[in-house]
Amino acid sequence: AYHCQIMEGDITMRLRKHFAGVGHVQIAGVPDRHEPDDNEL
């Protein structure tokens, strides 16, 4: 989600569209790649 948000955004719709082909998910805060808490996601 960190890379996707920086490059493209619209993560929920991309996840729904491609979900059948997703084999693993990763997370990090955006923009600074810290904890997934107080950030733009």
PDB file of all heavy atoms in Angstrom:
ATOM      1  N   ALA A   1       0.822  -1.211   0.000  1.00  0.00           N
ATOM      2  CA  ALA A   1       0.000   0.000   0.000  1.00  0.00           C
ATOM      3  C   ALA A   1       0.855   1.259   0.000  1.00  0.00           C
ATOM      4  O   ALA A   1       0.454   2.289  -0.562  1.00  0.00           O
ATOM      5  CB  ALA A   1      -0.938  -0.003   1.202  1.00  0.00           C
ATOM      6  N   TYR A   2       2.011   1.197   0.617  1.00  0.00           N
ATOM      7  CA  TYR A   2       2.920   2.352   0.647  1.00  0.00           C
ATOM      8  C   TYR A   2       3.370   2.715  -0.769  1.00  0.00           C
ATOM      9  O   TYR A   2       3.247   3.861  -1.205  1.00  0.00           O
ATOM     10  CB  TYR A   2       4.116   2.016   1.538  1.00  0.00           C
ATOM     11  CG  TYR A   2       5.272   2.974   1.445  1.00  0.00           C
ATOM     12  CD1 TYR A   2       5.245   4.205   2.091  1.00  0.00           C
ATOM     13  CD2 TYR A   2       6.419   2.637   0.715  1.00  0.00           C
ATOM     14  CE1 TYR A   2       6.327   5.075   2.013  1.00  0.00           C
ATOM     15  CE2 TYR A   2       7.495   3.501   0.640  1.00  0.00           C
ATOM     16  CZ  TYR A   2       7.446   4.717   1.279  1.00  0.00           C
ATOM     17  OH  TYR A   2       8.512   5.584   1.204  1.00  0.00           O
ATOM     18  N   HIS A   3       3.882   1.742  -1.497  1.00  0.00           N
ATOM     19  CA  HIS A   3       4.327   2.004  -2.867  1.00  0.00           C
ATOM     20  C   HIS A   3       3.156   2.413  -3.762  1.00  0.00           C
ATOM     21  O   HIS A   3       3.283   3.321  -4.590  1.00  0.00           O
ATOM     22  CB  HIS A   3       5.007   0.765  -3.449  1.00  0.00           C
ATOM     23  CG  HIS A   3       6.288   0.408  -2.786  1.00  0.00           C
ATOM     24  ND1 HIS A   3       7.346   1.280  -2.676  1.00  0.00           N
ATOM     25  CD2 HIS A   3       6.699  -0.748  -2.181  1.00  0.00           C
ATOM     26  CE1 HIS A   3       8.350   0.689  -2.042  1.00  0.00           C
ATOM     27  NE2 HIS A   3       7.979  -0.552  -1.739  1.00  0.00           N
ATOM     28  N   CYS A   4       2.029   1.745  -3.599  1.00  0.00           N
ATOM     29  CA  CYS A   4       0.868   2.038  -4.439  1.00  0.00           C
ATOM     30  C   CYS A   4       0.354   3.454  -4.208  1.00  0.00           C
ATOM     31  O   CYS A   4       0.006   4.163  -5.162  1.00  0.00           O
ATOM     32  CB  CYS A   4      -0.227   1.012  -4.175  1.00  0.00           C
ATOM     33  SG  CYS A   4      -1.662   1.167  -5.267  1.00  0.00           S
ATOM     34  N   GLN A   5       0.314   3.888  -2.959  1.00  0.00           N
ATOM     35  CA  GLN A   5      -0.167   5.235  -2.671  1.00  0.00           C
ATOM     36  C   GLN A   5       0.738   6.292  -3.296  1.00  0.00           C
ATOM     37  O   GLN A   5       0.259   7.293  -3.847  1.00  0.00           O
ATOM     38  CB  GLN A   5      -0.246   5.447  -1.153  1.00  0.00           C
ATOM     39  CG  GLN A   5      -0.602   6.858  -0.713  1.00  0.00           C
ATOM     40  CD  GLN A   5      -2.028   7.262  -1.053  1.00  0.00           C
ATOM     41  OE1 GLN A   5      -2.814   6.479  -1.593  1.00  0.00           O
ATOM     42  NE2 GLN A   5      -2.390   8.495  -0.739  1.00  0.00           N
ATOM     43  N   ILE A   6       2.044   6.074  -3.231  1.00  0.00           N
ATOM     44  CA  ILE A   6       2.975   7.053  -3.789  1.00  0.00           C
ATOM     45  C   ILE A   6       2.868   7.113  -5.309  1.00  0.00           C
ATOM     46  O   ILE A   6       2.882   8.191  -5.907  1.00  0.00           O
ATOM     47  CB  ILE A   6       4.419   6.723  -3.350  1.00  0.00           C
ATOM     48  CG1 ILE A   6       4.571   6.963  -1.843  1.00  0.00           C
ATOM     49  CG2 ILE A   6       5.437   7.562  -4.122  1.00  0.00           C
ATOM     50  CD1 ILE A   6       5.871   6.457  -1.262  1.00  0.00           C
ATOM     51  N   MET A   7       2.740   5.980  -5.955  1.00  0.00           N
ATOM     52  CA  MET A   7       2.735   5.933  -7.414  1.00  0.00           C
ATOM     53  C   MET A   7       1.367   6.221  -8.022  1.00  0.00           C
ATOM     54  O   MET A   7       1.270   6.845  -9.080  1.00  0.00           O
ATOM     55  CB  MET A   7       3.189   4.551  -7.897  1.00  0.00           C
ATOM     56  CG  MET A   7       4.658   4.262  -7.667  1.00  0.00           C
ATOM     57  SD  MET A   7       5.776   5.435  -8.489  1.00  0.00           S
ATOM     58  CE  MET A   7       5.352   5.170 -10.216  1.00  0.00           C
ATOM     59  N   GLU A   8       0.277   5.758  -7.339  1.00  0.00           N
ATOM     60  CA  GLU A   8      -1.014   5.757  -8.007  1.00  0.00           C
ATOM     61  C   GLU A   8      -2.182   6.241  -7.157  1.00  0.00           C
ATOM     62  O   GLU A   8      -3.124   6.834  -7.683  1.00  0.00           O
ATOM     63  CB  GLU A   8      -1.344   4.327  -8.476  1.00  0.00           C
ATOM     64  CG  GLU A   8      -0.261   3.687  -9.319  1.00  0.00           C
ATOM     65  CD  GLU A   8      -0.610   2.251  -9.658  1.00  0.00           C
ATOM     66  OE1 GLU A   8      -1.409   2.040 -10.584  1.00  0.00           O
ATOM     67  OE2 GLU A   8      -0.084   1.343  -8.970  1.00  0.00           O
ATOM     68  N   GLY A   9      -2.164   5.961  -5.862  1.00  0.00           N
ATOM     69  CA  GLY A   9      -3.327   6.265  -5.036  1.00  0.00           C
ATOM     70  C   GLY A   9      -4.497   5.369  -5.382  1.00  0.00           C
ATOM     71  O   GLY A   9      -4.355   4.330  -6.023  1.00  0.00           O
ATOM     72  N   ASP A  10      -5.701   5.773  -4.936  1.00  0.00           N
ATOM     73  CA  ASP A  10      -6.936   5.032  -5.247  1.00  0.00           C
ATOM     74  C   ASP A  10      -6.788   3.561  -4.864  1.00  0.00           C
ATOM     75  O   ASP A  10      -7.188   2.654  -5.595  1.00  0.00           O
ATOM     76  CB  ASP A  10      -7.266   5.173  -6.729  1.00  0.00           C
ATOM     77  CG  ASP A  10      -8.738   4.909  -7.043  1.00  0.00           C
ATOM     78  OD1 ASP A  10      -9.554   4.918  -6.104  1.00  0.00           O
ATOM     79  OD2 ASP A  10      -9.052   4.666  -8.221  1.00  0.00           O
ATOM     80  N   ILE A  11      -6.223   3.314  -3.690  1.00  0.00           N
ATOM     81  CA  ILE A  11      -5.824   1.965  -3.296  1.00  0.00           C
ATOM     82  C   ILE A  11      -7.005   1.016  -3.185  1.00  0.00           C
ATOM     83  O   ILE A  11      -6.950  -0.134  -3.641  1.00  0.00           O
ATOM     84  CB  ILE A  11      -5.033   2.011  -1.983  1.00  0.00           C
ATOM     85  CG1 ILE A  11      -3.679   2.688  -2.225  1.00  0.00           C
ATOM     86  CG2 ILE A  11      -4.822   0.616  -1.412  1.00  0.00           C
ATOM     87  CD1 ILE A  11      -2.857   2.875  -0.985  1.00  0.00           C
ATOM     88  N   THR A  12      -8.099   1.471  -2.592  1.00  0.00           N
ATOM     89  CA  THR A  12      -9.241   0.579  -2.416  1.00  0.00           C
ATOM     90  C   THR A  12      -9.764   0.055  -3.746  1.00  0.00           C
ATOM     91  O   THR A  12     -10.011  -1.152  -3.901  1.00  0.00           O
ATOM     92  CB  THR A  12     -10.373   1.293  -1.657  1.00  0.00           C
ATOM     93  OG1 THR A  12      -9.897   1.655  -0.348  1.00  0.00           O
ATOM     94  CG2 THR A  12     -11.588   0.396  -1.513  1.00  0.00           C
ATOM     95  N   MET A  13      -9.918   0.932  -4.721  1.00  0.00           N
ATOM     96  CA  MET A  13     -10.438   0.507  -6.014  1.00  0.00           C
ATOM     97  C   MET A  13      -9.437  -0.394  -6.736  1.00  0.00           C
ATOM     98  O   MET A  13      -9.833  -1.356  -7.415  1.00  0.00           O
ATOM     99  CB  MET A  13     -10.794   1.710  -6.875  1.00  0.00           C
ATOM    100  CG  MET A  13     -11.895   2.583  -6.288  1.00  0.00           C
ATOM    101  SD  MET A  13     -13.391   1.641  -5.845  1.00  0.00           S
ATOM    102  CE  MET A  13     -13.956   1.121  -7.471  1.00  0.00           C
ATOM    103  N   ARG A  14      -8.154  -0.120  -6.577  1.00  0.00           N
ATOM    104  CA  ARG A  14      -7.151  -0.991  -7.206  1.00  0.00           C
ATOM    105  C   ARG A  14      -7.153  -2.364  -6.536  1.00  0.00           C
ATOM    106  O   ARG A  14      -7.007  -3.396  -7.207  1.00  0.00           O
ATOM    107  CB  ARG A  14      -5.768  -0.353  -7.124  1.00  0.00           C
ATOM    108  CG  ARG A  14      -5.674   0.934  -7.908  1.00  0.00           C
ATOM    109  CD  ARG A  14      -4.271   1.517  -7.954  1.00  0.00           C
ATOM    110  NE  ARG A  14      -4.318   2.891  -8.398  1.00  0.00           N
ATOM    111  CZ  ARG A  14      -4.509   3.292  -9.652  1.00  0.00           C
ATOM    112  NH1 ARG A  14      -4.664   2.387 -10.598  1.00  0.00           N
ATOM    113  NH2 ARG A  14      -4.546   4.576  -9.955  1.00  0.00           N
ATOM    114  N   LEU A  15      -7.312  -2.384  -5.229  1.00  0.00           N
ATOM    115  CA  LEU A  15      -7.384  -3.651  -4.514  1.00  0.00           C
ATOM    116  C   LEU A  15      -8.599  -4.456  -4.962  1.00  0.00           C
ATOM    117  O   LEU A  15      -8.501  -5.664  -5.222  1.00  0.00           O
ATOM    118  CB  LEU A  15      -7.444  -3.381  -3.006  1.00  0.00           C
ATOM    119  CG  LEU A  15      -7.466  -4.601  -2.089  1.00  0.00           C
ATOM    120  CD1 LEU A  15      -6.194  -5.432  -2.264  1.00  0.00           C
ATOM    121  CD2 LEU A  15      -7.616  -4.155  -0.637  1.00  0.00           C
ATOM    122  N   ARG A  16      -9.743  -3.803  -5.074  1.00  0.00           N
ATOM    123  CA  ARG A  16     -10.945  -4.507  -5.523  1.00  0.00           C
ATOM    124  C   ARG A  16     -10.790  -5.029  -6.948  1.00  0.00           C
ATOM    125  O   ARG A  16     -11.183  -6.158  -7.264  1.00  0.00           O
ATOM    126  CB  ARG A  16     -12.157  -3.570  -5.438  1.00  0.00           C
ATOM    127  CG  ARG A  16     -12.579  -3.224  -4.017  1.00  0.00           C
ATOM    128  CD  ARG A  16     -13.674  -2.174  -4.028  1.00  0.00           C
ATOM    129  NE  ARG A  16     -14.084  -1.810  -2.667  1.00  0.00           N
ATOM    130  CZ  ARG A  16     -14.933  -0.811  -2.393  1.00  0.00           C
ATOM    131  NH1 ARG A  16     -15.433  -0.069  -3.390  1.00  0.00           N
ATOM    132  NH2 ARG A  16     -15.251  -0.542  -1.149  1.00  0.00           N
ATOM    133  N   LYS A  17     -10.201  -4.222  -7.805  1.00  0.00           N
ATOM    134  CA  LYS A  17     -10.053  -4.604  -9.206  1.00  0.00           C
ATOM    135  C   LYS A  17      -9.130  -5.806  -9.368  1.00  0.00           C
ATOM    136  O   LYS A  17      -9.423  -6.733 -10.148  1.00  0.00           O
ATOM    137  CB  LYS A  17      -9.506  -3.419 -10.010  1.00  0.00           C
ATOM    138  CG  LYS A  17      -9.221  -3.750 -11.473  1.00  0.00           C
ATOM    139  CD  LYS A  17      -8.644  -2.537 -12.216  1.00  0.00           C
ATOM    140  CE  LYS A  17      -8.327  -2.881 -13.668  1.00  0.00           C
ATOM    141  NZ  LYS A  17      -7.742  -1.714 -14.396  1.00  0.00           N
ATOM    142  N   HIS A  18      -8.024  -5.813  -8.638  1.00  0.00           N
ATOM    143  CA  HIS A  18      -6.981  -6.809  -8.857  1.00  0.00           C
ATOM    144  C   HIS A  18      -6.935  -7.897  -7.791  1.00  0.00           C
ATOM    145  O   HIS A  18      -6.006  -8.723  -7.808  1.00  0.00           O
ATOM    146  CB  HIS A  18      -5.614  -6.114  -8.900  1.00  0.00           C
ATOM    147  CG  HIS A  18      -5.446  -5.151 -10.028  1.00  0.00           C
ATOM    148  ND1 HIS A  18      -5.504  -5.518 -11.359  1.00  0.00           N
ATOM    149  CD2 HIS A  18      -5.209  -3.807 -10.024  1.00  0.00           C
ATOM    150  CE1 HIS A  18      -5.305  -4.470 -12.122  1.00  0.00           C
ATOM    151  NE2 HIS A  18      -5.124  -3.422 -11.349  1.00  0.00           N
ATOM    152  N   PHE A  19      -7.897  -7.941  -6.908  1.00  0.00           N
ATOM    153  CA  PHE A  19      -7.776  -8.778  -5.718  1.00  0.00           C
ATOM    154  C   PHE A  19      -7.467 -10.239  -6.041  1.00  0.00           C
ATOM    155  O   PHE A  19      -6.661 -10.878  -5.356  1.00  0.00           O
ATOM    156  CB  PHE A  19      -9.053  -8.698  -4.871  1.00  0.00           C
ATOM    157  CG  PHE A  19      -8.986  -9.541  -3.634  1.00  0.00           C
ATOM    158  CD1 PHE A  19      -8.171  -9.172  -2.578  1.00  0.00           C
ATOM    159  CD2 PHE A  19      -9.705 -10.727  -3.538  1.00  0.00           C
ATOM    160  CE1 PHE A  19      -8.070  -9.960  -1.437  1.00  0.00           C
ATOM    161  CE2 PHE A  19      -9.623 -11.519  -2.402  1.00  0.00           C
ATOM    162  CZ  PHE A  19      -8.805 -11.140  -1.351  1.00  0.00           C
ATOM    163  N   ALA A  20      -8.069 -10.772  -7.084  1.00  0.00           N
ATOM    164  CA  ALA A  20      -7.857 -12.190  -7.408  1.00  0.00           C
ATOM    165  C   ALA A  20      -6.394 -12.488  -7.704  1.00  0.00           C
ATOM    166  O   ALA A  20      -5.938 -13.626  -7.524  1.00  0.00           O
ATOM    167  CB  ALA A  20      -8.720 -12.589  -8.595  1.00  0.00           C
ATOM    168  N   GLY A  21      -5.633 -11.476  -8.120  1.00  0.00           N
ATOM    169  CA  GLY A  21      -4.232 -11.680  -8.450  1.00  0.00           C
ATOM    170  C   GLY A  21      -3.268 -11.246  -7.369  1.00  0.00           C
ATOM    171  O   GLY A  21      -2.052 -11.265  -7.584  1.00  0.00           O
ATOM    172  N   VAL A  22      -3.778 -10.844  -6.217  1.00  0.00           N
ATOM    173  CA  VAL A  22      -2.924 -10.381  -5.111  1.00  0.00           C
ATOM    174  C   VAL A  22      -2.555 -11.568  -4.224  1.00  0.00           C
ATOM    175  O   VAL A  22      -3.430 -12.267  -3.712  1.00  0.00           O
ATOM    176  CB  VAL A  22      -3.631  -9.295  -4.293  1.00  0.00           C
ATOM    177  CG1 VAL A  22      -2.823  -8.944  -3.033  1.00  0.00           C
ATOM    178  CG2 VAL A  22      -3.845  -8.043  -5.134  1.00  0.00           C
ATOM    179  N   GLY A  23      -1.252 -11.774  -4.033  1.00  0.00           N
ATOM    180  CA  GLY A  23      -0.803 -12.897  -3.234  1.00  0.00           C
ATOM    181  C   GLY A  23      -0.203 -12.519  -1.893  1.00  0.00           C
ATOM    182  O   GLY A  23       0.045 -13.398  -1.062  1.00  0.00           O
ATOM    183  N   HIS A  24       0.032 -11.242  -1.672  1.00  0.00           N
ATOM    184  CA  HIS A  24       0.576 -10.782  -0.398  1.00  0.00           C
ATOM    185  C   HIS A  24       0.349  -9.286  -0.319  1.00  0.00           C
ATOM    186  O   HIS A  24       0.336  -8.590  -1.346  1.00  0.00           O
ATOM    187  CB  HIS A  24       2.077 -11.084  -0.300  1.00  0.00           C
ATOM    188  CG  HIS A  24       2.685 -10.829   1.043  1.00  0.00           C
ATOM    189  ND1 HIS A  24       2.328 -11.523   2.178  1.00  0.00           N
ATOM    190  CD2 HIS A  24       3.649  -9.946   1.442  1.00  0.00           C
ATOM    191  CE1 HIS A  24       3.044 -11.090   3.209  1.00  0.00           C
ATOM    192  NE2 HIS A  24       3.852 -10.127   2.786  1.00  0.00           N
ATOM    193  N   VAL A  25       0.159  -8.787   0.900  1.00  0.00           N
ATOM    194  CA  VAL A  25      -0.093  -7.366   1.135  1.00  0.00           C
ATOM    195  C   VAL A  25       0.947  -6.849   2.123  1.00  0.00           C
ATOM    196  O   VAL A  25       1.311  -7.546   3.082  1.00  0.00           O
ATOM    197  CB  VAL A  25      -1.517  -7.139   1.682  1.00  0.00           C
ATOM    198  CG1 VAL A  25      -1.717  -5.672   2.093  1.00  0.00           C
ATOM    199  CG2 VAL A  25      -2.570  -7.553   0.660  1.00  0.00           C
ATOM    200  N   GLN A  26       1.432  -5.626   1.881  1.00  0.00           N
ATOM    201  CA  GLN A  26       2.337  -4.972   2.818  1.00  0.00           C
ATOM    202  C   GLN A  26       1.851  -3.559   3.103  1.00  0.00           C
ATOM    203  O   GLN A  26       1.137  -2.962   2.295  1.00  0.00           O
ATOM    204  CB  GLN A  26       3.765  -4.937   2.264  1.00  0.00           C
ATOM    205  CG  GLN A  26       4.422  -6.304   2.195  1.00  0.00           C
ATOM    206  CD  GLN A  26       5.818  -6.260   1.612  1.00  0.00           C
ATOM    207  OE1 GLN A  26       6.070  -5.540   0.657  1.00  0.00           O
ATOM    208  NE2 GLN A  26       6.731  -7.044   2.167  1.00  0.00           N
ATOM    209  N   ILE A  27       2.277  -3.031   4.255  1.00  0.00           N
ATOM    210  CA  ILE A  27       1.818  -1.713   4.695  1.00  0.00           C
ATOM    211  C   ILE A  27       2.972  -0.909   5.279  1.00  0.00           C
ATOM    212  O   ILE A  27       3.972  -1.455   5.740  1.00  0.00           O
ATOM    213  CB  ILE A  27       0.696  -1.832   5.749  1.00  0.00           C
ATOM    214  CG1 ILE A  27       1.189  -2.611   6.979  1.00  0.00           C
ATOM    215  CG2 ILE A  27      -0.547  -2.476   5.144  1.00  0.00           C
ATOM    216  CD1 ILE A  27       0.225  -2.601   8.157  1.00  0.00           C
ATOM    217  N   ALA A  28       2.783   0.405   5.273  1.00  0.00           N
ATOM    218  CA  ALA A  28       3.662   1.363   5.962  1.00  0.00           C
ATOM    219  C   ALA A  28       2.973   2.709   5.896  1.00  0.00           C
ATOM    220  O   ALA A  28       2.131   2.954   5.017  1.00  0.00           O
ATOM    221  CB  ALA A  28       5.038   1.440   5.311  1.00  0.00           C
ATOM    222  N   GLY A  29       3.314   3.571   6.833  1.00  0.00           N
ATOM    223  CA  GLY A  29       2.777   4.920   6.793  1.00  0.00           C
ATOM    224  C   GLY A  29       3.297   5.694   5.594  1.00  0.00           C
ATOM    225  O   GLY A  29       4.431   5.506   5.158  1.00  0.00           O
ATOM    226  N   VAL A  30       2.450   6.555   5.069  1.00  0.00           N
ATOM    227  CA  VAL A  30       2.818   7.420   3.939  1.00  0.00           C
ATOM    228  C   VAL A  30       2.716   8.875   4.402  1.00  0.00           C
ATOM    229  O   VAL A  30       1.722   9.236   5.043  1.00  0.00           O
ATOM    230  CB  VAL A  30       1.871   7.179   2.738  1.00  0.00           C
ATOM    231  CG1 VAL A  30       2.281   8.037   1.548  1.00  0.00           C
ATOM    232  CG2 VAL A  30       1.853   5.701   2.346  1.00  0.00           C
ATOM    233  N   PRO A  31       3.722   9.713   4.167  1.00  0.00           N
ATOM    234  CA  PRO A  31       4.810   9.556   3.187  1.00  0.00           C
ATOM    235  C   PRO A  31       6.145   9.055   3.728  1.00  0.00           C
ATOM    236  O   PRO A  31       7.064   8.835   2.944  1.00  0.00           O
ATOM    237  CB  PRO A  31       4.975  10.987   2.667  1.00  0.00           C
ATOM    238  CG  PRO A  31       4.707  11.836   3.870  1.00  0.00           C
ATOM    239  CD  PRO A  31       3.613  11.132   4.632  1.00  0.00           C
ATOM    240  N   ASP A  32       6.290   8.898   5.046  1.00  0.00           N
ATOM    241  CA  ASP A  32       7.627   8.707   5.610  1.00  0.00           C
ATOM    242  C   ASP A  32       7.998   7.260   5.920  1.00  0.00           C
ATOM    243  O   ASP A  32       9.061   6.999   6.457  1.00  0.00           O
ATOM    244  CB  ASP A  32       7.767   9.539   6.885  1.00  0.00           C
ATOM    245  CG  ASP A  32       7.657  11.027   6.603  1.00  0.00           C
ATOM    246  OD1 ASP A  32       8.239  11.471   5.593  1.00  0.00           O
ATOM    247  OD2 ASP A  32       6.985  11.741   7.373  1.00  0.00           O
ATOM    248  N   ARG A  33       7.138   6.324   5.612  1.00  0.00           N
ATOM    249  CA  ARG A  33       7.373   4.898   5.813  1.00  0.00           C
ATOM    250  C   ARG A  33       7.604   4.534   7.275  1.00  0.00           C
ATOM    251  O   ARG A  33       8.398   3.641   7.600  1.00  0.00           O
ATOM    252  CB  ARG A  33       8.524   4.388   4.941  1.00  0.00           C
ATOM    253  CG  ARG A  33       8.369   2.915   4.573  1.00  0.00           C
ATOM    254  CD  ARG A  33       9.349   2.452   3.528  1.00  0.00           C
ATOM    255  NE  ARG A  33       8.963   1.142   3.045  1.00  0.00           N
ATOM    256  CZ  ARG A  33       9.563   0.489   2.048  1.00  0.00           C
ATOM    257  NH1 ARG A  33      10.590   1.042   1.428  1.00  0.00           N
ATOM    258  NH2 ARG A  33       9.152  -0.703   1.670  1.00  0.00           N
ATOM    259  N   HIS A  34       6.866   5.205   8.163  1.00  0.00           N
ATOM    260  CA  HIS A  34       6.897   4.853   9.579  1.00  0.00           C
ATOM    261  C   HIS A  34       5.683   3.976   9.897  1.00  0.00           C
ATOM    262  O   HIS A  34       5.092   3.372   9.005  1.00  0.00           O
ATOM    263  CB  HIS A  34       6.920   6.116  10.428  1.00  0.00           C
ATOM    264  CG  HIS A  34       8.167   6.928  10.272  1.00  0.00           C
ATOM    265  ND1 HIS A  34       9.427   6.372  10.220  1.00  0.00           N
ATOM    266  CD2 HIS A  34       8.340   8.283  10.151  1.00  0.00           C
ATOM    267  CE1 HIS A  34      10.334   7.327  10.088  1.00  0.00           C
ATOM    268  NE2 HIS A  34       9.701   8.489  10.027  1.00  0.00           N
ATOM    269  N   GLU A  35       5.318   3.924  11.169  1.00  0.00           N
ATOM    270  CA  GLU A  35       4.190   3.103  11.591  1.00  0.00           C
ATOM    271  C   GLU A  35       2.927   3.441  10.797  1.00  0.00           C
ATOM    272  O   GLU A  35       2.711   4.606  10.420  1.00  0.00           O
ATOM    273  CB  GLU A  35       3.917   3.308  13.083  1.00  0.00           C
ATOM    274  CG  GLU A  35       4.901   2.621  14.010  1.00  0.00           C
ATOM    275  CD  GLU A  35       6.182   3.399  14.257  1.00  0.00           C
ATOM    276  OE1 GLU A  35       6.412   4.426  13.587  1.00  0.00           O
ATOM    277  OE2 GLU A  35       6.969   2.990  15.129  1.00  0.00           O
ATOM    278  N   PRO A  36       2.069   2.455  10.564  1.00  0.00           N
ATOM    279  CA  PRO A  36       0.820   2.686   9.826  1.00  0.00           C
ATOM    280  C   PRO A  36      -0.254   3.270  10.729  1.00  0.00           C
ATOM    281  O   PRO A  36      -1.309   2.655  10.962  1.00  0.00           O
ATOM    282  CB  PRO A  36       0.452   1.277   9.334  1.00  0.00           C
ATOM    283  CG  PRO A  36       1.001   0.372  10.392  1.00  0.00           C
ATOM    284  CD  PRO A  36       2.283   1.019  10.863  1.00  0.00           C
ATOM    285  N   ASP A  37      -0.008   4.467  11.235  1.00  0.00           N
ATOM    286  CA  ASP A  37      -0.971   5.055  12.169  1.00  0.00           C
ATOM    287  C   ASP A  37      -1.368   6.457  11.729  1.00  0.00           C
ATOM    288  O   ASP A  37      -2.349   6.639  11.016  1.00  0.00           O
ATOM    289  CB  ASP A  37      -0.432   5.027  13.607  1.00  0.00           C
ATOM    290  CG  ASP A  37       1.007   5.533  13.727  1.00  0.00           C
ATOM    291  OD1 ASP A  37       1.485   6.235  12.822  1.00  0.00           O
ATOM    292  OD2 ASP A  37       1.661   5.234  14.749  1.00  0.00           O
ATOM    293  N   ASP A  38      -0.600   7.466  12.112  1.00  0.00           N
ATOM    294  CA  ASP A  38      -0.955   8.859  11.838  1.00  0.00           C
ATOM    295  C   ASP A  38      -0.330   9.288  10.509  1.00  0.00           C
ATOM    296  O   ASP A  38       0.746   9.866  10.464  1.00  0.00           O
ATOM    297  CB  ASP A  38      -0.462   9.740  12.989  1.00  0.00           C
ATOM    298  CG  ASP A  38      -0.902  11.193  12.823  1.00  0.00           C
ATOM    299  OD1 ASP A  38      -1.822  11.441  12.026  1.00  0.00           O
ATOM    300  OD2 ASP A  38      -0.320  12.062  13.496  1.00  0.00           O
ATOM    301  N   ASN A  39      -1.027   8.977   9.418  1.00  0.00           N
ATOM    302  CA  ASN A  39      -0.481   9.265   8.095  1.00  0.00           C
ATOM    303  C   ASN A  39      -1.634   9.480   7.132  1.00  0.00           C
ATOM    304  O   ASN A  39      -2.796   9.501   7.524  1.00  0.00           O
ATOM    305  CB  ASN A  39       0.434   8.122   7.639  1.00  0.00           C
ATOM    306  CG  ASN A  39      -0.318   6.823   7.451  1.00  0.00           C
ATOM    307  OD1 ASN A  39      -0.787   6.515   6.354  1.00  0.00           O
ATOM    308  ND2 ASN A  39      -0.464   6.030   8.518  1.00  0.00           N
ATOM    309  N   GLU A  40      -1.348   9.595   5.849  1.00  0.00           N
ATOM    310  CA  GLU A  40      -2.399   9.932   4.891  1.00  0.00           C
ATOM    311  C   GLU A  40      -3.260   8.751   4.483  1.00  0.00           C
ATOM    312  O   GLU A  40      -4.243   8.938   3.759  1.00  0.00           O
ATOM    313  CB  GLU A  40      -1.784  10.567   3.635  1.00  0.00           C
ATOM    314  CG  GLU A  40      -0.910   9.660   2.787  1.00  0.00           C
ATOM    315  CD  GLU A  40      -0.207  10.429   1.671  1.00  0.00           C
ATOM    316  OE1 GLU A  40       0.583  11.342   1.971  1.00  0.00           O
ATOM    317  OE2 GLU A  40      -0.470  10.111   0.507  1.00  0.00           O
ATOM    318  N   LEU A  41      -2.941   7.544   4.929  1.00  0.00           N
ATOM    319  CA  LEU A  41      -3.766   6.375   4.637  1.00  0.00           C
ATOM    320  C   LEU A  41      -4.556   5.949   5.870  1.00  0.00           C
ATOM    321  O   LEU A  41      -4.024   5.891   6.973  1.00  0.00           O
ATOM    322  CB  LEU A  41      -2.896   5.210   4.169  1.00  0.00           C
ATOM    323  CG  LEU A  41      -2.309   5.322   2.764  1.00  0.00           C
ATOM    324  CD1 LEU A  41      -1.419   4.117   2.459  1.00  0.00           C
ATOM    325  CD2 LEU A  41      -3.417   5.421   1.724  1.00  0.00           C
TER     326      LEU A  41
END
